[in-house]
N, C-alpha and C. Protein backbone atom coordinates (compact mmCIF):
# COMPACT_ATOMS: atom_id res chain seq x y z
N MET A 1 -25.03 -2.67 8.90
CA MET A 1 -25.65 -2.64 7.59
C MET A 1 -24.60 -2.84 6.50
N VAL A 2 -23.48 -2.09 6.62
CA VAL A 2 -22.41 -2.21 5.63
C VAL A 2 -21.79 -3.60 5.71
N LEU A 3 -21.64 -4.12 6.95
CA LEU A 3 -21.05 -5.44 7.12
C LEU A 3 -21.92 -6.51 6.47
N LEU A 4 -23.24 -6.43 6.65
CA LEU A 4 -24.14 -7.41 6.04
C LEU A 4 -24.08 -7.33 4.52
N HIS A 5 -24.00 -6.11 3.98
CA HIS A 5 -23.88 -5.96 2.53
C HIS A 5 -22.57 -6.58 2.04
N GLY A 6 -21.48 -6.34 2.79
CA GLY A 6 -20.19 -6.90 2.42
C GLY A 6 -20.20 -8.42 2.45
N LEU A 7 -20.86 -9.00 3.45
CA LEU A 7 -20.95 -10.46 3.53
C LEU A 7 -21.79 -11.02 2.38
N ALA A 8 -22.86 -10.32 2.00
CA ALA A 8 -23.68 -10.77 0.88
C ALA A 8 -22.88 -10.74 -0.42
N VAL A 9 -22.10 -9.68 -0.62
CA VAL A 9 -21.26 -9.58 -1.82
C VAL A 9 -20.23 -10.69 -1.83
N LEU A 10 -19.62 -10.95 -0.67
CA LEU A 10 -18.62 -12.01 -0.57
C LEU A 10 -19.23 -13.37 -0.87
N TYR A 11 -20.42 -13.64 -0.34
CA TYR A 11 -21.09 -14.92 -0.59
C TYR A 11 -21.43 -15.07 -2.07
N THR A 12 -21.96 -14.01 -2.69
CA THR A 12 -22.30 -14.06 -4.11
C THR A 12 -21.06 -14.32 -4.95
N THR A 13 -19.96 -13.65 -4.62
CA THR A 13 -18.70 -13.87 -5.35
C THR A 13 -18.23 -15.30 -5.18
N HIS A 14 -18.33 -15.82 -3.97
CA HIS A 14 -17.90 -17.19 -3.70
C HIS A 14 -18.71 -18.20 -4.52
N VAL A 15 -20.02 -18.03 -4.54
CA VAL A 15 -20.88 -18.95 -5.30
C VAL A 15 -20.56 -18.86 -6.80
N ALA A 16 -20.39 -17.64 -7.31
CA ALA A 16 -20.09 -17.48 -8.74
C ALA A 16 -18.76 -18.13 -9.10
N LEU A 17 -17.76 -17.98 -8.23
CA LEU A 17 -16.46 -18.59 -8.51
C LEU A 17 -16.52 -20.11 -8.42
N GLU A 18 -17.32 -20.64 -7.50
CA GLU A 18 -17.46 -22.10 -7.41
C GLU A 18 -18.11 -22.67 -8.66
N VAL A 19 -19.15 -21.99 -9.16
CA VAL A 19 -19.80 -22.43 -10.40
C VAL A 19 -18.81 -22.37 -11.56
N LEU A 20 -18.02 -21.29 -11.62
CA LEU A 20 -17.02 -21.16 -12.67
C LEU A 20 -15.95 -22.24 -12.56
N ASN A 21 -15.53 -22.57 -11.33
CA ASN A 21 -14.54 -23.62 -11.13
C ASN A 21 -15.07 -24.97 -11.60
N VAL A 22 -16.32 -25.28 -11.28
CA VAL A 22 -16.91 -26.55 -11.72
C VAL A 22 -16.97 -26.60 -13.24
N ALA A 23 -17.35 -25.48 -13.87
CA ALA A 23 -17.41 -25.45 -15.33
C ALA A 23 -16.03 -25.66 -15.95
N ILE A 24 -15.00 -25.08 -15.35
CA ILE A 24 -13.64 -25.25 -15.87
C ILE A 24 -13.20 -26.71 -15.72
N VAL A 25 -13.48 -27.32 -14.57
CA VAL A 25 -13.10 -28.72 -14.36
C VAL A 25 -13.81 -29.62 -15.36
N VAL A 26 -15.10 -29.39 -15.58
CA VAL A 26 -15.85 -30.20 -16.56
C VAL A 26 -15.27 -30.01 -17.95
N PHE A 27 -14.95 -28.76 -18.31
CA PHE A 27 -14.38 -28.49 -19.64
C PHE A 27 -13.03 -29.19 -19.82
N ILE A 28 -12.17 -29.10 -18.81
CA ILE A 28 -10.84 -29.72 -18.92
C ILE A 28 -10.96 -31.24 -18.94
N ALA A 29 -11.85 -31.79 -18.11
CA ALA A 29 -12.04 -33.25 -18.11
C ALA A 29 -12.58 -33.72 -19.46
N GLY A 30 -13.53 -32.97 -20.01
CA GLY A 30 -14.06 -33.33 -21.33
C GLY A 30 -13.00 -33.24 -22.41
N ALA A 31 -12.17 -32.18 -22.34
CA ALA A 31 -11.10 -32.04 -23.33
C ALA A 31 -10.08 -33.17 -23.20
N ALA A 32 -9.79 -33.58 -21.96
CA ALA A 32 -8.83 -34.67 -21.76
C ALA A 32 -9.39 -35.99 -22.29
N MET A 33 -10.68 -36.26 -22.04
CA MET A 33 -11.28 -37.50 -22.54
C MET A 33 -11.36 -37.48 -24.07
N HIS A 34 -11.66 -36.30 -24.62
CA HIS A 34 -11.75 -36.19 -26.07
C HIS A 34 -10.37 -36.39 -26.71
N SER A 35 -9.33 -35.85 -26.07
CA SER A 35 -7.99 -36.00 -26.64
C SER A 35 -7.52 -37.44 -26.58
N ALA A 36 -8.03 -38.21 -25.61
CA ALA A 36 -7.65 -39.62 -25.52
C ALA A 36 -8.28 -40.43 -26.65
N THR A 37 -9.43 -39.98 -27.13
CA THR A 37 -10.11 -40.73 -28.19
C THR A 37 -9.72 -40.26 -29.58
N VAL A 38 -9.21 -39.04 -29.71
CA VAL A 38 -8.83 -38.52 -31.02
C VAL A 38 -7.43 -39.01 -31.36
N SER A 39 -7.28 -39.49 -32.58
CA SER A 39 -5.98 -40.02 -32.96
C SER A 39 -4.95 -38.91 -33.16
N SER A 40 -5.39 -37.76 -33.65
CA SER A 40 -4.46 -36.66 -33.88
C SER A 40 -4.49 -35.73 -32.68
N ARG A 41 -3.36 -35.49 -32.05
CA ARG A 41 -3.28 -34.63 -30.87
C ARG A 41 -2.92 -33.19 -31.23
N ASN A 42 -2.85 -32.85 -32.49
CA ASN A 42 -2.51 -31.49 -32.89
C ASN A 42 -3.57 -30.49 -32.45
N LEU A 43 -4.81 -30.97 -32.25
CA LEU A 43 -5.89 -30.08 -31.84
C LEU A 43 -5.59 -29.43 -30.49
N TYR A 44 -4.91 -30.16 -29.57
CA TYR A 44 -4.68 -29.66 -28.22
C TYR A 44 -3.25 -29.21 -27.98
N THR A 45 -2.36 -29.43 -28.90
CA THR A 45 -0.98 -29.00 -28.69
C THR A 45 -0.71 -27.63 -29.29
N SER A 46 -1.45 -27.24 -30.29
CA SER A 46 -1.21 -25.93 -30.91
C SER A 46 -2.52 -25.24 -31.28
N ASN A 47 -3.45 -25.22 -30.36
CA ASN A 47 -4.74 -24.60 -30.61
C ASN A 47 -4.75 -23.22 -29.94
N LEU A 48 -4.75 -22.17 -30.74
CA LEU A 48 -4.71 -20.81 -30.22
C LEU A 48 -5.96 -20.48 -29.41
N TYR A 49 -7.11 -20.92 -29.85
CA TYR A 49 -8.37 -20.64 -29.14
C TYR A 49 -8.34 -21.24 -27.73
N LEU A 50 -7.89 -22.48 -27.62
CA LEU A 50 -7.84 -23.15 -26.32
C LEU A 50 -6.83 -22.47 -25.39
N GLU A 51 -5.70 -22.05 -25.93
CA GLU A 51 -4.70 -21.37 -25.10
C GLU A 51 -5.22 -20.02 -24.61
N LEU A 52 -5.98 -19.31 -25.46
CA LEU A 52 -6.57 -18.04 -25.03
C LEU A 52 -7.59 -18.25 -23.92
N VAL A 53 -8.39 -19.31 -24.03
CA VAL A 53 -9.38 -19.60 -22.98
C VAL A 53 -8.67 -19.91 -21.67
N TRP A 54 -7.61 -20.72 -21.72
CA TRP A 54 -6.89 -21.07 -20.50
C TRP A 54 -6.15 -19.87 -19.90
N LEU A 55 -5.83 -18.89 -20.72
CA LEU A 55 -5.17 -17.69 -20.22
C LEU A 55 -6.18 -16.68 -19.67
N LEU A 56 -7.25 -16.45 -20.42
CA LEU A 56 -8.19 -15.39 -20.06
C LEU A 56 -9.14 -15.77 -18.93
N THR A 57 -9.46 -17.05 -18.78
CA THR A 57 -10.38 -17.45 -17.71
C THR A 57 -9.81 -17.17 -16.33
N PRO A 58 -8.59 -17.61 -15.99
CA PRO A 58 -8.05 -17.25 -14.67
C PRO A 58 -7.85 -15.74 -14.50
N THR A 59 -7.47 -15.06 -15.60
CA THR A 59 -7.31 -13.61 -15.52
C THR A 59 -8.63 -12.93 -15.18
N ALA A 60 -9.71 -13.37 -15.80
CA ALA A 60 -11.02 -12.80 -15.50
C ALA A 60 -11.44 -13.10 -14.07
N MET A 61 -11.14 -14.31 -13.57
CA MET A 61 -11.49 -14.66 -12.19
C MET A 61 -10.74 -13.79 -11.20
N VAL A 62 -9.44 -13.60 -11.40
CA VAL A 62 -8.65 -12.78 -10.49
C VAL A 62 -9.10 -11.32 -10.55
N THR A 63 -9.39 -10.83 -11.74
CA THR A 63 -9.88 -9.46 -11.88
C THR A 63 -11.19 -9.27 -11.15
N MET A 64 -12.10 -10.24 -11.27
CA MET A 64 -13.38 -10.15 -10.58
C MET A 64 -13.18 -10.14 -9.06
N LEU A 65 -12.27 -10.97 -8.55
CA LEU A 65 -12.00 -10.99 -7.12
C LEU A 65 -11.43 -9.66 -6.64
N VAL A 66 -10.48 -9.11 -7.39
CA VAL A 66 -9.85 -7.84 -6.99
C VAL A 66 -10.89 -6.72 -6.97
N VAL A 67 -11.74 -6.65 -7.98
CA VAL A 67 -12.76 -5.60 -8.03
C VAL A 67 -13.71 -5.73 -6.85
N ARG A 68 -14.16 -6.95 -6.55
CA ARG A 68 -15.08 -7.15 -5.43
C ARG A 68 -14.43 -6.77 -4.09
N VAL A 69 -13.17 -7.15 -3.91
CA VAL A 69 -12.49 -6.83 -2.65
C VAL A 69 -12.32 -5.32 -2.50
N VAL A 70 -11.94 -4.64 -3.57
CA VAL A 70 -11.77 -3.18 -3.50
C VAL A 70 -13.10 -2.51 -3.19
N VAL A 71 -14.18 -2.96 -3.83
CA VAL A 71 -15.50 -2.38 -3.57
C VAL A 71 -15.90 -2.60 -2.11
N MET A 72 -15.66 -3.80 -1.59
CA MET A 72 -16.01 -4.09 -0.19
C MET A 72 -15.21 -3.23 0.77
N GLN A 73 -13.91 -3.08 0.53
CA GLN A 73 -13.08 -2.29 1.43
C GLN A 73 -13.48 -0.82 1.40
N CYS A 74 -13.78 -0.31 0.23
CA CYS A 74 -14.20 1.10 0.15
C CYS A 74 -15.53 1.32 0.84
N SER A 75 -16.45 0.36 0.74
CA SER A 75 -17.75 0.54 1.39
C SER A 75 -17.62 0.42 2.90
N GLU A 76 -16.67 -0.38 3.41
CA GLU A 76 -16.49 -0.50 4.85
C GLU A 76 -15.85 0.73 5.45
N GLU A 77 -15.11 1.50 4.64
CA GLU A 77 -14.42 2.66 5.17
C GLU A 77 -15.30 3.90 5.22
N GLU A 78 -16.55 3.79 4.76
CA GLU A 78 -17.45 4.93 4.87
C GLU A 78 -17.85 5.08 6.33
N LEU A 79 -17.41 6.16 6.93
CA LEU A 79 -17.64 6.37 8.36
C LEU A 79 -18.96 7.09 8.58
N GLN A 80 -19.72 6.58 9.52
CA GLN A 80 -20.97 7.23 9.86
C GLN A 80 -20.69 8.37 10.83
N LEU A 81 -21.69 9.21 11.02
CA LEU A 81 -21.56 10.29 11.99
C LEU A 81 -21.64 9.71 13.39
N HIS A 82 -20.73 10.12 14.23
CA HIS A 82 -20.68 9.63 15.60
C HIS A 82 -20.89 10.80 16.55
N GLY A 83 -21.35 10.47 17.75
CA GLY A 83 -21.57 11.50 18.74
C GLY A 83 -20.27 12.11 19.23
N THR A 84 -19.23 11.29 19.37
CA THR A 84 -17.95 11.75 19.90
C THR A 84 -16.83 11.11 19.10
N GLN A 85 -15.76 11.84 18.94
CA GLN A 85 -14.57 11.29 18.29
C GLN A 85 -13.41 11.39 19.28
N VAL A 86 -12.71 10.27 19.45
CA VAL A 86 -11.59 10.20 20.39
C VAL A 86 -10.37 9.72 19.62
N HIS A 87 -9.29 10.48 19.73
CA HIS A 87 -8.03 10.08 19.11
C HIS A 87 -7.15 9.49 20.21
N VAL A 88 -6.73 8.23 20.03
CA VAL A 88 -5.95 7.52 21.04
C VAL A 88 -4.54 7.31 20.50
N VAL A 89 -3.55 7.73 21.28
CA VAL A 89 -2.14 7.51 20.91
C VAL A 89 -1.50 6.65 21.99
N ALA A 90 -0.96 5.51 21.58
CA ALA A 90 -0.28 4.62 22.51
C ALA A 90 1.19 4.98 22.58
N ASN A 91 1.72 4.97 23.78
CA ASN A 91 3.13 5.25 24.02
C ASN A 91 3.66 4.17 24.96
N GLN A 92 4.98 4.06 25.04
CA GLN A 92 5.55 3.17 26.04
C GLN A 92 5.61 3.94 27.35
N TRP A 93 4.85 3.72 28.28
CA TRP A 93 3.85 2.73 28.58
C TRP A 93 2.66 3.43 29.18
N TYR A 94 2.00 4.21 28.38
CA TYR A 94 0.80 4.94 28.79
C TYR A 94 -0.02 5.27 27.55
N TRP A 95 -1.25 5.71 27.78
CA TRP A 95 -2.17 6.08 26.70
C TRP A 95 -2.41 7.58 26.76
N VAL A 96 -2.58 8.20 25.60
CA VAL A 96 -2.98 9.60 25.53
C VAL A 96 -4.27 9.67 24.72
N TYR A 97 -5.31 10.26 25.32
CA TYR A 97 -6.60 10.43 24.66
C TYR A 97 -6.79 11.91 24.34
N TYR A 98 -7.15 12.20 23.10
CA TYR A 98 -7.46 13.56 22.69
C TYR A 98 -8.95 13.63 22.40
N VAL A 99 -9.67 14.38 23.23
CA VAL A 99 -11.12 14.54 23.07
C VAL A 99 -11.43 16.03 23.08
N ASP A 100 -11.93 16.53 21.96
CA ASP A 100 -12.31 17.95 21.87
C ASP A 100 -11.21 18.88 22.36
N ALA A 101 -10.02 18.75 21.83
CA ALA A 101 -8.85 19.60 22.15
C ALA A 101 -8.41 19.48 23.60
N VAL A 102 -8.80 18.41 24.28
CA VAL A 102 -8.35 18.14 25.65
C VAL A 102 -7.52 16.87 25.63
N SER A 103 -6.36 16.91 26.27
CA SER A 103 -5.48 15.75 26.34
C SER A 103 -5.65 15.06 27.68
N LEU A 104 -5.77 13.74 27.65
CA LEU A 104 -5.93 12.95 28.86
C LEU A 104 -4.85 11.87 28.86
N PHE A 105 -3.96 11.90 29.85
CA PHE A 105 -2.87 10.94 29.94
C PHE A 105 -3.27 9.86 30.94
N LEU A 106 -3.25 8.60 30.51
CA LEU A 106 -3.65 7.49 31.38
C LEU A 106 -2.44 6.63 31.71
N TYR A 107 -2.02 6.72 32.96
CA TYR A 107 -0.93 5.91 33.49
C TYR A 107 -1.50 4.88 34.45
N ALA A 108 -0.76 3.83 34.70
CA ALA A 108 -1.17 2.84 35.70
C ALA A 108 -1.01 3.43 37.09
N VAL A 109 -1.90 3.04 37.99
CA VAL A 109 -1.80 3.48 39.39
C VAL A 109 -0.65 2.71 40.04
N GLN A 110 0.25 3.45 40.68
CA GLN A 110 1.34 2.80 41.40
C GLN A 110 0.79 2.08 42.63
N GLU A 111 1.46 1.02 43.03
CA GLU A 111 0.93 0.20 44.13
C GLU A 111 0.80 0.98 45.43
N HIS A 112 1.69 1.92 45.69
CA HIS A 112 1.60 2.69 46.93
C HIS A 112 0.47 3.73 46.88
N ASP A 113 -0.08 4.00 45.68
CA ASP A 113 -1.18 4.95 45.55
C ASP A 113 -2.54 4.27 45.46
N MET A 114 -2.58 2.95 45.51
CA MET A 114 -3.84 2.23 45.35
C MET A 114 -4.70 2.35 46.60
N HIS A 115 -6.01 2.38 46.37
CA HIS A 115 -6.98 2.43 47.45
C HIS A 115 -7.62 1.06 47.60
N HIS A 116 -8.31 0.87 48.68
CA HIS A 116 -9.00 -0.40 48.91
C HIS A 116 -10.06 -0.60 47.82
N GLY A 117 -10.04 -1.74 47.16
CA GLY A 117 -10.99 -2.03 46.10
C GLY A 117 -10.46 -1.78 44.70
N ASP A 118 -9.32 -1.09 44.58
CA ASP A 118 -8.73 -0.87 43.25
C ASP A 118 -8.18 -2.18 42.71
N LEU A 119 -8.32 -2.36 41.42
CA LEU A 119 -7.81 -3.57 40.78
C LEU A 119 -6.37 -3.33 40.34
N ARG A 120 -5.47 -4.18 40.82
CA ARG A 120 -4.06 -4.03 40.50
C ARG A 120 -3.83 -4.20 39.01
N LEU A 121 -3.06 -3.30 38.42
CA LEU A 121 -2.69 -3.28 37.00
C LEU A 121 -3.87 -3.04 36.06
N LEU A 122 -5.03 -2.70 36.60
CA LEU A 122 -6.18 -2.36 35.75
C LEU A 122 -6.68 -0.94 35.99
N CYS A 123 -6.37 -0.38 37.14
CA CYS A 123 -6.82 0.98 37.44
C CYS A 123 -5.82 1.99 36.89
N GLY A 124 -6.36 3.04 36.31
CA GLY A 124 -5.52 4.12 35.80
C GLY A 124 -5.59 5.32 36.71
N MET A 125 -4.62 6.23 36.54
CA MET A 125 -4.61 7.46 37.33
C MET A 125 -5.85 8.30 37.01
N GLN A 126 -6.33 8.22 35.77
CA GLN A 126 -7.53 8.92 35.34
C GLN A 126 -8.38 7.94 34.55
N SER A 127 -9.62 8.31 34.31
CA SER A 127 -10.52 7.46 33.51
C SER A 127 -11.14 8.29 32.40
N LEU A 128 -11.39 7.64 31.30
CA LEU A 128 -12.07 8.28 30.18
C LEU A 128 -13.57 8.15 30.41
N LEU A 129 -14.28 9.26 30.34
CA LEU A 129 -15.73 9.28 30.58
C LEU A 129 -16.44 9.26 29.23
N ILE A 130 -17.30 8.26 29.03
CA ILE A 130 -18.00 8.06 27.76
C ILE A 130 -19.50 8.04 28.00
N ASP A 131 -20.24 8.69 27.12
CA ASP A 131 -21.70 8.67 27.18
C ASP A 131 -22.19 7.39 26.50
N SER A 132 -22.93 6.56 27.22
CA SER A 132 -23.37 5.28 26.66
C SER A 132 -24.54 5.42 25.69
N SER A 133 -25.11 6.62 25.59
CA SER A 133 -26.26 6.80 24.70
C SER A 133 -25.85 7.10 23.26
N CYS A 134 -24.57 7.34 23.02
CA CYS A 134 -24.13 7.64 21.65
C CYS A 134 -22.91 6.80 21.30
N SER A 135 -22.67 6.66 20.01
CA SER A 135 -21.51 5.90 19.56
C SER A 135 -20.28 6.80 19.55
N VAL A 136 -19.13 6.18 19.75
CA VAL A 136 -17.87 6.91 19.81
C VAL A 136 -16.96 6.36 18.72
N LEU A 137 -16.41 7.25 17.92
CA LEU A 137 -15.44 6.86 16.90
C LEU A 137 -14.05 6.97 17.50
N LEU A 138 -13.33 5.85 17.54
CA LEU A 138 -11.97 5.82 18.05
C LEU A 138 -11.01 5.78 16.87
N ALA A 139 -10.02 6.66 16.88
CA ALA A 139 -8.93 6.62 15.90
C ALA A 139 -7.67 6.32 16.69
N LEU A 140 -7.08 5.15 16.47
CA LEU A 140 -5.98 4.68 17.30
C LEU A 140 -4.68 4.59 16.51
N THR A 141 -3.61 5.05 17.13
CA THR A 141 -2.29 4.96 16.52
C THR A 141 -1.26 4.83 17.64
N SER A 142 -0.01 4.72 17.26
CA SER A 142 1.07 4.57 18.23
C SER A 142 2.20 5.52 17.87
N SER A 143 2.96 5.93 18.87
CA SER A 143 4.08 6.82 18.62
C SER A 143 5.42 6.10 18.62
N ASP A 144 5.45 4.83 19.04
CA ASP A 144 6.74 4.16 19.13
C ASP A 144 6.72 2.73 18.59
N VAL A 145 6.06 1.81 19.29
CA VAL A 145 6.01 0.40 18.86
C VAL A 145 4.56 -0.02 18.72
N ILE A 146 4.34 -1.25 18.29
CA ILE A 146 2.97 -1.74 18.13
C ILE A 146 2.36 -2.04 19.50
N HIS A 147 1.18 -1.49 19.73
CA HIS A 147 0.39 -1.75 20.93
C HIS A 147 -0.96 -2.29 20.48
N ALA A 148 -1.78 -2.73 21.42
CA ALA A 148 -3.14 -3.16 21.10
C ALA A 148 -4.07 -2.66 22.19
N TRP A 149 -5.06 -1.88 21.80
CA TRP A 149 -6.06 -1.32 22.71
C TRP A 149 -7.16 -2.36 22.85
N ALA A 150 -7.24 -3.00 24.01
CA ALA A 150 -8.18 -4.10 24.20
C ALA A 150 -9.12 -3.81 25.36
N LEU A 151 -10.40 -3.97 25.09
CA LEU A 151 -11.45 -3.81 26.09
C LEU A 151 -12.31 -5.08 26.05
N PRO A 152 -11.93 -6.12 26.80
CA PRO A 152 -12.59 -7.43 26.67
C PRO A 152 -14.08 -7.42 27.00
N SER A 153 -14.51 -6.56 27.91
CA SER A 153 -15.92 -6.57 28.29
C SER A 153 -16.83 -6.14 27.13
N LEU A 154 -16.28 -5.42 26.15
CA LEU A 154 -17.04 -5.04 24.96
C LEU A 154 -16.61 -5.82 23.73
N GLY A 155 -15.68 -6.76 23.92
CA GLY A 155 -15.21 -7.58 22.80
C GLY A 155 -14.41 -6.79 21.79
N MET A 156 -13.63 -5.83 22.25
CA MET A 156 -12.86 -4.98 21.34
C MET A 156 -11.37 -5.19 21.50
N LYS A 157 -10.68 -5.23 20.38
CA LYS A 157 -9.22 -5.24 20.36
C LYS A 157 -8.79 -4.59 19.05
N VAL A 158 -8.09 -3.47 19.16
CA VAL A 158 -7.67 -2.72 17.98
C VAL A 158 -6.16 -2.50 18.07
N ASP A 159 -5.45 -2.82 17.00
CA ASP A 159 -4.01 -2.63 16.98
C ASP A 159 -3.68 -1.16 16.81
N CYS A 160 -2.66 -0.72 17.54
CA CYS A 160 -2.14 0.65 17.42
C CYS A 160 -0.77 0.54 16.78
N VAL A 161 -0.68 0.93 15.52
CA VAL A 161 0.54 0.75 14.74
C VAL A 161 1.15 2.12 14.46
N PRO A 162 2.46 2.28 14.63
CA PRO A 162 3.09 3.57 14.34
C PRO A 162 2.90 3.97 12.88
N GLY A 163 2.51 5.22 12.67
CA GLY A 163 2.34 5.73 11.32
C GLY A 163 1.05 5.32 10.64
N ARG A 164 0.15 4.68 11.37
CA ARG A 164 -1.11 4.23 10.77
C ARG A 164 -2.23 4.46 11.78
N ALA A 165 -3.38 4.90 11.30
CA ALA A 165 -4.53 5.12 12.18
C ALA A 165 -5.59 4.07 11.89
N ASN A 166 -5.90 3.26 12.89
CA ASN A 166 -6.99 2.30 12.79
C ASN A 166 -8.21 2.90 13.46
N THR A 167 -9.37 2.64 12.90
CA THR A 167 -10.60 3.18 13.48
C THR A 167 -11.47 2.06 14.01
N ALA A 168 -12.25 2.39 15.02
CA ALA A 168 -13.20 1.45 15.59
C ALA A 168 -14.36 2.26 16.16
N THR A 169 -15.52 1.64 16.18
CA THR A 169 -16.70 2.28 16.76
C THR A 169 -16.99 1.64 18.10
N LEU A 170 -17.09 2.47 19.11
CA LEU A 170 -17.35 2.01 20.46
C LEU A 170 -18.81 2.30 20.80
N VAL A 171 -19.57 1.24 21.03
CA VAL A 171 -20.96 1.37 21.44
C VAL A 171 -21.13 0.54 22.70
N SER A 172 -21.47 1.20 23.79
CA SER A 172 -21.61 0.51 25.06
C SER A 172 -23.05 0.63 25.55
N SER A 173 -23.68 -0.51 25.76
CA SER A 173 -25.05 -0.50 26.27
C SER A 173 -25.07 -0.63 27.79
N VAL A 174 -23.90 -0.87 28.38
CA VAL A 174 -23.82 -1.01 29.83
C VAL A 174 -23.19 0.25 30.42
N THR A 175 -23.54 0.53 31.65
CA THR A 175 -22.94 1.66 32.35
C THR A 175 -22.07 1.12 33.47
N GLY A 176 -21.07 1.89 33.80
CA GLY A 176 -20.15 1.48 34.86
C GLY A 176 -18.71 1.64 34.42
N THR A 177 -17.82 1.03 35.16
CA THR A 177 -16.40 1.11 34.87
C THR A 177 -15.96 -0.12 34.08
N LEU A 178 -15.33 0.13 32.96
CA LEU A 178 -14.83 -0.94 32.10
C LEU A 178 -13.31 -0.93 32.14
N TYR A 179 -12.73 -2.11 32.25
CA TYR A 179 -11.28 -2.22 32.35
C TYR A 179 -10.73 -2.99 31.15
N GLY A 180 -9.53 -2.61 30.75
CA GLY A 180 -8.83 -3.31 29.69
C GLY A 180 -7.34 -3.07 29.83
N GLN A 181 -6.59 -3.58 28.87
CA GLN A 181 -5.13 -3.44 28.91
C GLN A 181 -4.59 -3.43 27.49
N CYS A 182 -3.32 -3.09 27.38
CA CYS A 182 -2.60 -3.29 26.13
C CYS A 182 -2.40 -4.80 25.99
N SER A 183 -2.79 -5.35 24.86
CA SER A 183 -2.69 -6.80 24.69
C SER A 183 -1.67 -7.19 23.63
N GLU A 184 -0.72 -6.32 23.38
CA GLU A 184 0.39 -6.62 22.48
C GLU A 184 1.68 -6.34 23.25
N VAL A 185 2.55 -7.33 23.35
CA VAL A 185 3.77 -7.15 24.12
C VAL A 185 4.57 -5.99 23.52
N CYS A 186 4.79 -4.96 24.34
CA CYS A 186 5.37 -3.72 23.81
C CYS A 186 6.60 -3.27 24.58
N GLY A 187 7.15 -4.13 25.40
CA GLY A 187 8.36 -3.76 26.12
C GLY A 187 8.30 -4.20 27.57
N ALA A 188 9.25 -3.69 28.36
CA ALA A 188 9.43 -4.14 29.74
C ALA A 188 8.23 -3.85 30.62
N LEU A 189 7.55 -2.73 30.41
CA LEU A 189 6.42 -2.36 31.26
C LEU A 189 5.09 -2.56 30.55
N HIS A 190 5.03 -3.56 29.70
CA HIS A 190 3.80 -3.85 28.94
C HIS A 190 2.61 -4.07 29.86
N GLY A 191 2.82 -4.72 30.98
CA GLY A 191 1.73 -5.02 31.91
C GLY A 191 1.20 -3.80 32.65
N TYR A 192 1.84 -2.65 32.46
CA TYR A 192 1.44 -1.44 33.18
C TYR A 192 0.78 -0.43 32.24
N MET A 193 -0.01 -0.93 31.30
CA MET A 193 -0.76 -0.06 30.39
C MET A 193 -2.25 -0.36 30.48
N PRO A 194 -2.88 0.02 31.58
CA PRO A 194 -4.30 -0.30 31.73
C PRO A 194 -5.20 0.66 30.95
N LEU A 195 -6.40 0.19 30.68
CA LEU A 195 -7.46 1.04 30.12
C LEU A 195 -8.54 1.13 31.18
N CYS A 196 -8.95 2.30 31.49
CA CYS A 196 -10.03 2.48 32.46
C CYS A 196 -11.03 3.45 31.85
N MET A 197 -12.24 2.97 31.64
CA MET A 197 -13.26 3.78 30.99
C MET A 197 -14.54 3.73 31.80
N VAL A 198 -15.14 4.87 32.01
CA VAL A 198 -16.40 4.96 32.75
C VAL A 198 -17.49 5.36 31.77
N THR A 199 -18.51 4.53 31.65
CA THR A 199 -19.64 4.85 30.79
C THR A 199 -20.83 5.25 31.65
N VAL A 200 -21.47 6.34 31.26
CA VAL A 200 -22.62 6.85 32.03
C VAL A 200 -23.83 6.96 31.13
């Protein structure tokens, strides 16, 4: 709902700016043609009114763009109530999930610990259990370098940046085991940061 409102505001702003751009081009073209026909060019070389218009029009356009962008960003940051909140911290080279004061450390399964049917470099030592009937608010950050929490089966990729928390809403209509990985090169063991999530 918020995204559709933001797109409508963006489209309206775009149309208004295009109309304003066409009006400016017509005005400048008319002024140029008029100056070619007028014998005295003093009208366009030292006209205070014309200089104010050329100064204030771009200023008004930029101000309008900044106000619209700030309004859109503030409206997108309004978080809805979610059934579950999960805080994800990326480390070299494992994930830590904090759910309701419980810490869950997700490491890659070592090859000698794998069972028949396990997916190499995608199975974790533990799995995060998610209820598919409610939405989950993810707050993702990193403790060392930039990582990316990616779950391709749900079309999700969120950057985990040190000192910054990015949020995402996880809504899964499918049940089963979902696999993902860190999709930002984060060091020597980058390939050993799997995501394993079970939705019920």
